Protein backbone atom coordinates (compact mmCIF):
# COMPACT_ATOMS: atom_id res chain seq x y z
CA UNK A 1 0.11 0.02 0.00
CA UNK A 2 2.78 2.46 0.87
CA UNK A 3 4.59 1.93 -2.43
CA UNK A 4 1.39 2.25 -4.38
CA UNK A 5 0.35 5.37 -2.41
CA UNK A 6 3.47 7.24 -3.61
CA UNK A 7 2.76 6.56 -7.28
CA UNK A 8 0.53 9.71 -7.84
CA UNK A 9 3.27 12.01 -6.41
CA UNK A 10 5.95 10.36 -8.62
CA UNK A 11 3.82 10.70 -11.67
CA UNK A 12 3.20 14.35 -10.90
CA UNK A 13 6.78 15.19 -10.45
CA UNK A 14 7.54 13.25 -13.54
CA UNK A 15 5.01 15.23 -15.56
CA UNK A 16 6.34 18.54 -14.18
CA UNK A 17 9.91 17.69 -15.11
CA UNK A 18 8.87 16.65 -18.49
CA UNK A 19 6.92 19.87 -19.09
CA UNK A 20 9.89 22.02 -17.92
CA UNK A 21 12.17 20.18 -20.33
CA UNK A 22 9.83 20.76 -23.17
CA UNK A 23 9.58 24.48 -22.45
CA UNK A 24 13.37 24.73 -22.34
CA UNK A 25 13.71 22.75 -25.56
CA UNK A 26 11.19 25.03 -27.43
CA UNK A 27 13.04 28.16 -26.07
CA UNK A 28 16.30 26.92 -27.19
CA UNK A 29 14.82 26.06 -30.68
CA UNK A 30 13.22 29.51 -30.85
CA UNK A 31 16.58 31.14 -30.12
CA UNK A 32 18.34 29.27 -32.82
CA UNK A 33 15.63 30.06 -35.42
CA UNK A 34 15.47 33.72 -34.54
CA UNK A 35 19.15 34.02 -34.47
CA UNK A 36 19.36 33.21 -38.18
CA UNK A 37 17.29 36.16 -39.03
CA UNK A 38 18.03 39.89 -39.06
CA UNK A 39 15.68 40.68 -36.00
CA UNK A 40 16.22 37.78 -33.66
CA UNK A 41 17.67 37.49 -30.16
CA UNK A 42 21.08 37.82 -31.63
CA UNK A 43 20.42 41.34 -32.91
CA UNK A 44 21.38 43.89 -30.29
CA UNK A 45 19.19 46.87 -30.67
CA UNK A 46 20.65 49.80 -28.58
CA UNK A 47 17.27 51.46 -28.54
CA UNK A 48 19.07 54.93 -28.08
CA UNK A 49 18.86 57.51 -30.63
CA UNK A 50 22.03 59.72 -31.14
CA UNK A 51 20.89 63.29 -31.90
CA UNK A 52 23.04 65.18 -34.40
CA UNK A 53 22.90 68.75 -35.71
CA UNK A 54 24.39 70.30 -38.74
CA UNK A 55 24.40 73.52 -40.73
CA UNK A 56 23.29 73.88 -44.28
CA UNK A 57 26.55 73.63 -46.29
CA UNK A 58 28.51 72.06 -43.44
CA UNK A 59 29.35 68.61 -42.39
CA UNK A 60 28.23 65.92 -39.98
CA UNK A 61 29.89 62.56 -38.87
CA UNK A 62 28.03 59.48 -37.86
CA UNK A 63 30.24 57.21 -35.58
CA UNK A 64 29.50 53.67 -34.22
CA UNK A 65 30.69 54.26 -30.62
CA UNK A 66 31.12 50.74 -29.53
CA UNK A 67 33.99 48.99 -31.36
CA UNK A 68 32.86 45.50 -32.38
CA UNK A 69 36.65 44.39 -32.18
CA UNK A 70 36.56 44.91 -28.48
CA UNK A 71 34.23 41.83 -28.04
CA UNK A 72 36.03 38.63 -27.36
CA UNK A 73 36.21 36.15 -30.29
CA UNK A 74 34.19 38.32 -32.48
CA UNK A 75 35.27 40.11 -35.65
CA UNK A 76 33.58 42.74 -37.88
CA UNK A 77 32.21 41.53 -41.15
CA UNK A 78 30.54 44.69 -42.45
CA UNK A 79 28.52 47.86 -41.41
CA UNK A 80 25.37 48.69 -43.42
CA UNK A 81 24.48 52.33 -43.40
CA UNK A 82 20.95 53.32 -44.09
CA UNK A 83 18.26 55.88 -43.89
CA UNK A 84 14.66 55.55 -42.63
CA UNK A 85 11.91 57.06 -44.78
CA UNK A 86 8.35 56.74 -43.70
CA UNK A 87 8.07 53.07 -42.46
CA UNK A 88 10.95 51.66 -44.62
CA UNK A 89 14.57 51.14 -43.84
CA UNK A 90 16.69 51.67 -47.01
CA UNK A 91 20.27 50.67 -47.24
CA UNK A 92 22.58 53.41 -48.54
CA UNK A 93 25.95 51.61 -48.70
CA UNK A 94 27.97 48.82 -47.14
CA UNK A 95 31.36 49.21 -45.56
CA UNK A 96 33.69 46.25 -45.14
CA UNK A 97 37.08 46.20 -43.15
CA UNK A 98 39.99 46.61 -45.31
CA UNK A 99 38.20 48.16 -48.29
CA UNK A 100 38.58 51.85 -48.94
CA UNK A 101 35.61 52.18 -51.34
CA UNK A 102 32.10 51.49 -49.91
CA UNK A 103 29.60 49.29 -51.80
CA UNK A 104 26.65 51.53 -52.80
CA UNK A 105 23.15 50.01 -52.66
CA UNK A 106 20.69 53.00 -52.90
CA UNK A 107 20.83 56.81 -53.35
CA UNK A 108 24.14 56.85 -54.94
CA UNK A 109 23.31 59.84 -57.17
CA UNK A 110 22.37 61.90 -53.87
CA UNK A 111 25.11 60.84 -51.69
CA UNK A 112 28.09 59.55 -53.61
CA UNK A 113 29.88 62.99 -53.96
CA UNK A 114 28.96 63.95 -50.47
CA UNK A 115 29.59 60.85 -48.41
CA UNK A 116 33.08 60.03 -47.15
CA UNK A 117 34.04 56.92 -45.23
CA UNK A 118 36.52 58.12 -42.67
CA UNK A 119 37.18 54.71 -41.25
CA UNK A 120 35.32 51.42 -40.80
CA UNK A 121 32.89 52.84 -38.16
CA UNK A 122 32.66 56.50 -39.12
CA UNK A 123 30.80 58.06 -41.98
CA UNK A 124 30.67 61.80 -42.75
CA UNK A 125 28.20 63.75 -44.98
CA UNK A 126 29.38 67.04 -46.55
CA UNK A 127 27.72 69.95 -48.04
CA UNK A 128 24.45 69.27 -46.01
CA UNK A 129 21.12 70.29 -47.25
CA UNK A 130 17.80 70.83 -45.23
CA UNK A 131 16.45 67.69 -46.95
CA UNK A 132 19.19 65.59 -45.30
CA UNK A 133 17.35 65.96 -41.97
CA UNK A 134 15.93 62.64 -40.84
CA UNK A 135 16.66 59.26 -39.23
CA UNK A 136 19.71 57.25 -40.09
CA UNK A 137 20.96 53.86 -38.86
CA UNK A 138 23.97 51.63 -38.89
CA UNK A 139 23.83 47.78 -38.74
CA UNK A 140 26.97 46.28 -37.55
CA UNK A 141 27.37 42.65 -38.82
CA UNK A 142 29.67 40.40 -36.77
CA UNK A 143 30.86 36.85 -37.13
CA UNK A 144 28.56 34.19 -35.84
CA UNK A 145 25.50 35.87 -37.14
CA UNK A 146 25.44 38.59 -34.50
CA UNK A 147 24.33 42.17 -35.37
CA UNK A 148 24.11 45.46 -33.65
CA UNK A 149 21.91 48.29 -34.56
CA UNK A 150 22.69 51.92 -33.93
CA UNK A 151 20.32 54.89 -34.57
CA UNK A 152 20.90 58.62 -35.45
CA UNK A 153 18.59 61.55 -35.88
CA UNK A 154 20.03 64.46 -37.98
CA UNK A 155 18.53 67.95 -37.91
CA UNK A 156 20.04 70.39 -40.54
CA UNK A 157 19.61 74.06 -39.69
CA UNK A 158 20.05 77.14 -41.93
CA UNK A 159 23.07 79.30 -41.04
CA UNK A 160 22.23 82.16 -38.77
CA UNK A 161 22.72 85.73 -40.23
CA UNK A 162 25.58 87.92 -39.09
CA UNK A 163 24.45 90.16 -36.35
CA UNK A 164 25.02 93.96 -35.78
CA UNK A 165 25.06 96.07 -32.67
CA UNK A 166 23.35 99.40 -33.08
CA UNK A 167 23.87 102.04 -30.46
CA UNK A 168 21.32 104.79 -29.64
CA UNK A 169 22.56 108.11 -28.80
CA UNK A 170 24.28 107.80 -25.37
CA UNK A 171 23.56 110.17 -22.52
CA UNK A 172 26.83 111.25 -20.93
CA UNK A 173 27.58 113.10 -17.71
CA UNK A 174 30.94 113.81 -16.19
CA UNK A 175 30.88 110.47 -14.40
CA UNK A 176 28.34 108.19 -16.14
CA UNK A 177 27.52 107.10 -19.56
CA UNK A 178 24.06 105.59 -20.33
CA UNK A 179 23.39 103.92 -23.70
CA UNK A 180 20.88 101.49 -25.10
CA UNK A 181 22.22 98.83 -27.51
CA UNK A 182 20.21 96.83 -30.10
CA UNK A 183 21.33 93.52 -31.50
CA UNK A 184 19.79 93.01 -34.88
CA UNK A 185 20.04 90.03 -37.13
CA UNK A 186 18.21 90.48 -40.50
CA UNK A 187 16.19 87.64 -41.75
CA UNK A 188 16.13 85.78 -38.36
CA UNK A 189 13.92 82.62 -37.95
CA UNK A 190 11.88 81.49 -35.02
CA UNK A 191 14.66 78.95 -34.12
CA UNK A 192 17.22 81.76 -33.73
CA UNK A 193 18.29 82.85 -30.20
CA UNK A 194 19.88 86.13 -29.31
CA UNK A 195 21.79 86.66 -26.16
CA UNK A 196 24.48 89.00 -24.70
CA UNK A 197 27.84 88.40 -23.40
CA UNK A 198 30.05 91.06 -21.61
CA UNK A 199 33.63 91.54 -20.77
CA UNK A 200 35.01 94.06 -18.31
CA UNK A 201 31.66 95.16 -17.00
CA UNK A 202 31.38 95.63 -13.07
CA UNK A 203 29.37 92.75 -11.59
CA UNK A 204 27.12 95.25 -9.73
CA UNK A 205 25.88 96.72 -12.98
CA UNK A 206 22.65 95.07 -14.02
CA UNK A 207 22.08 94.34 -17.63
CA UNK A 208 18.44 94.57 -18.56
CA UNK A 209 17.73 92.62 -21.79
CA UNK A 210 14.34 92.90 -23.38
CA UNK A 211 14.03 90.10 -25.99
CA UNK A 212 11.60 90.36 -28.67
CA UNK A 213 10.13 87.98 -31.35
CA UNK A 214 12.35 87.74 -34.49
CA UNK A 215 13.04 89.66 -36.59
CA UNK A 216 12.89 92.40 -33.95
CA UNK A 217 16.22 93.07 -32.32
CA UNK A 218 16.95 92.55 -28.63
CA UNK A 219 17.95 95.45 -26.50
CA UNK A 220 20.11 95.98 -23.58
CA UNK A 221 20.40 99.15 -21.45
CA UNK A 222 23.57 100.00 -19.65
CA UNK A 223 24.80 102.67 -17.23
CA UNK A 224 28.59 102.63 -17.21
CA UNK A 225 31.01 104.71 -14.94
CA UNK A 226 33.46 106.55 -17.11
CA UNK A 227 36.24 105.63 -14.78
CA UNK A 228 35.90 102.06 -15.76
CA UNK A 229 38.37 100.66 -18.31
CA UNK A 230 36.63 100.25 -21.64
CA UNK A 231 34.49 97.24 -21.33
CA UNK A 232 32.99 95.34 -24.37
CA UNK A 233 29.70 93.65 -25.09
CA UNK A 234 28.99 90.77 -27.42
CA UNK A 235 25.68 90.04 -29.27
CA UNK A 236 25.45 86.16 -29.86
CA UNK A 237 23.03 84.94 -32.50
CA UNK A 238 22.61 81.12 -32.56
CA UNK A 239 20.55 78.05 -33.33
CA UNK A 240 21.46 74.51 -32.46
CA UNK A 241 23.62 74.26 -35.72
CA UNK A 242 25.31 77.63 -36.01
CA UNK A 243 26.58 80.61 -33.83
CA UNK A 244 27.74 84.02 -34.92
CA UNK A 245 28.66 87.13 -32.87
CA UNK A 246 29.28 90.80 -33.08
CA UNK A 247 31.23 92.84 -30.45
CA UNK A 248 31.27 96.63 -29.60
CA UNK A 249 33.69 98.56 -27.46
CA UNK A 250 31.48 100.54 -24.95
CA UNK A 251 34.18 103.01 -24.27
CA UNK A 252 34.27 103.97 -28.02
CA UNK A 253 30.48 104.02 -28.10
CA UNK A 254 30.36 106.58 -25.21
CA UNK A 255 33.36 108.65 -26.49
CA UNK A 256 32.27 109.20 -30.08
CA UNK A 257 28.53 109.85 -29.48
CA UNK A 258 27.05 113.14 -30.34
CA UNK A 259 27.25 114.08 -26.82
CA UNK A 260 30.52 112.49 -25.81
CA UNK A 261 32.23 112.96 -22.40
CA UNK A 262 34.88 115.37 -23.79
CA UNK A 263 32.25 117.93 -25.05
CA UNK A 264 30.12 117.66 -21.89
CA UNK A 265 32.98 118.12 -19.45
CA UNK A 266 34.54 121.03 -21.26
CA UNK A 267 31.36 122.95 -22.11
CA UNK A 268 32.08 125.85 -19.61
CA UNK A 269 35.45 126.41 -21.01
CA UNK A 270 34.01 126.37 -24.52
CA UNK A 271 31.43 128.86 -23.61
CA UNK A 272 33.92 131.16 -22.05
CA UNK A 273 36.20 130.96 -25.03
CA UNK A 274 33.26 132.07 -27.25
CA UNK A 275 32.38 135.00 -25.00
CA UNK A 276 36.08 136.25 -25.11
CA UNK A 277 36.26 136.05 -28.86
CA UNK A 278 32.90 137.82 -29.27
CA UNK A 279 34.35 140.59 -26.90
CA UNK A 280 37.48 140.81 -28.90
CA UNK A 281 35.65 141.06 -32.20
CA UNK A 282 33.42 143.78 -30.66
CA UNK A 283 36.27 145.93 -29.42
CA UNK A 284 38.11 145.54 -32.71
CA UNK A 285 35.09 146.70 -34.66
CA UNK A 286 34.60 149.67 -32.20
CA UNK A 287 38.21 150.71 -32.58
CA UNK A 288 37.92 150.49 -36.32
CA UNK A 289 34.76 152.50 -36.50
CA UNK A 290 36.26 155.23 -34.28
CA UNK A 291 39.38 155.41 -36.38
CA UNK A 292 37.22 155.53 -39.49
CA UNK A 293 35.20 158.60 -38.10
CA UNK A 294 38.45 160.22 -37.10
CA UNK A 295 39.79 159.84 -40.67
CA UNK A 296 36.64 161.25 -42.02
CA UNK A 297 36.80 164.35 -39.84
CA UNK A 298 40.43 164.97 -40.79
CA UNK A 299 39.62 164.88 -44.41
CA UNK A 300 36.74 167.40 -43.99
CA UNK A 301 39.09 169.71 -42.00
CA UNK A 302 41.64 169.62 -44.77
CA UNK A 303 39.00 170.18 -47.42
CA UNK A 304 37.80 173.30 -45.53
CA UNK A 305 41.21 174.66 -45.13
CA UNK A 306 41.98 174.37 -48.90
CA UNK A 307 38.85 176.20 -49.87
CA UNK A 308 39.79 179.08 -47.72
């Protein structure tokens, strides 16, 4: 009876062990089958997208950061570079170790003169256009059927315009110079940012920037002590792909304004000089008139004496 009573437990354990073995066998079979394809468990998908920015007419480089050669007992067979358009992944070219020239698959007319293979894991696109913006990918094929995918998102921006700093008429006193500056970049777009950078300004001086929507310029109002060594201020116009600057010397702005510090400081001396000159002219004219009248009287006296 004892031996017979243990049969159900032994049967249950045997069935459980057999079911587990079946699951493991199916899992191993699934791994082998999927590993032979391009999207199986042996395809490592990083899932991370590398964001890249470029400027129209410039260059951008795509680089596979993890070197396949660093993996033990694994060698690189090829790297497939491609672009994603809508829902399709299209291969552009193939790069194999030891080959200087890539194997073109698609878009050769569009990219051939602009794409350069710097090394096995780095690709560069020159003379960027706005149409180059989009998603790119690199599929690293290794020995043993292993593959690694890398993804990139490229955004190409237009170059930002060259900015100009326009200074309004400064207000100058013997000790201070108050001036308002405008940073203007013609033809700016919504993706353009304008900011200010200063050099040599006292920390206690507060810059009050009033940004406005493009293409309106940004302004900054400053009150500078004339005793301060000539500081400078820089207008920075930028977008994620480009950056341009313009710099003005604030000492020069204050000195060469219509009401510069020299004219304001010496105004009393100038007025005194003008008064003295006017007095000298007045005295000279008076003396000349007196001499002229005396000469006329002398001539009349001589004429009368001659008639007599």
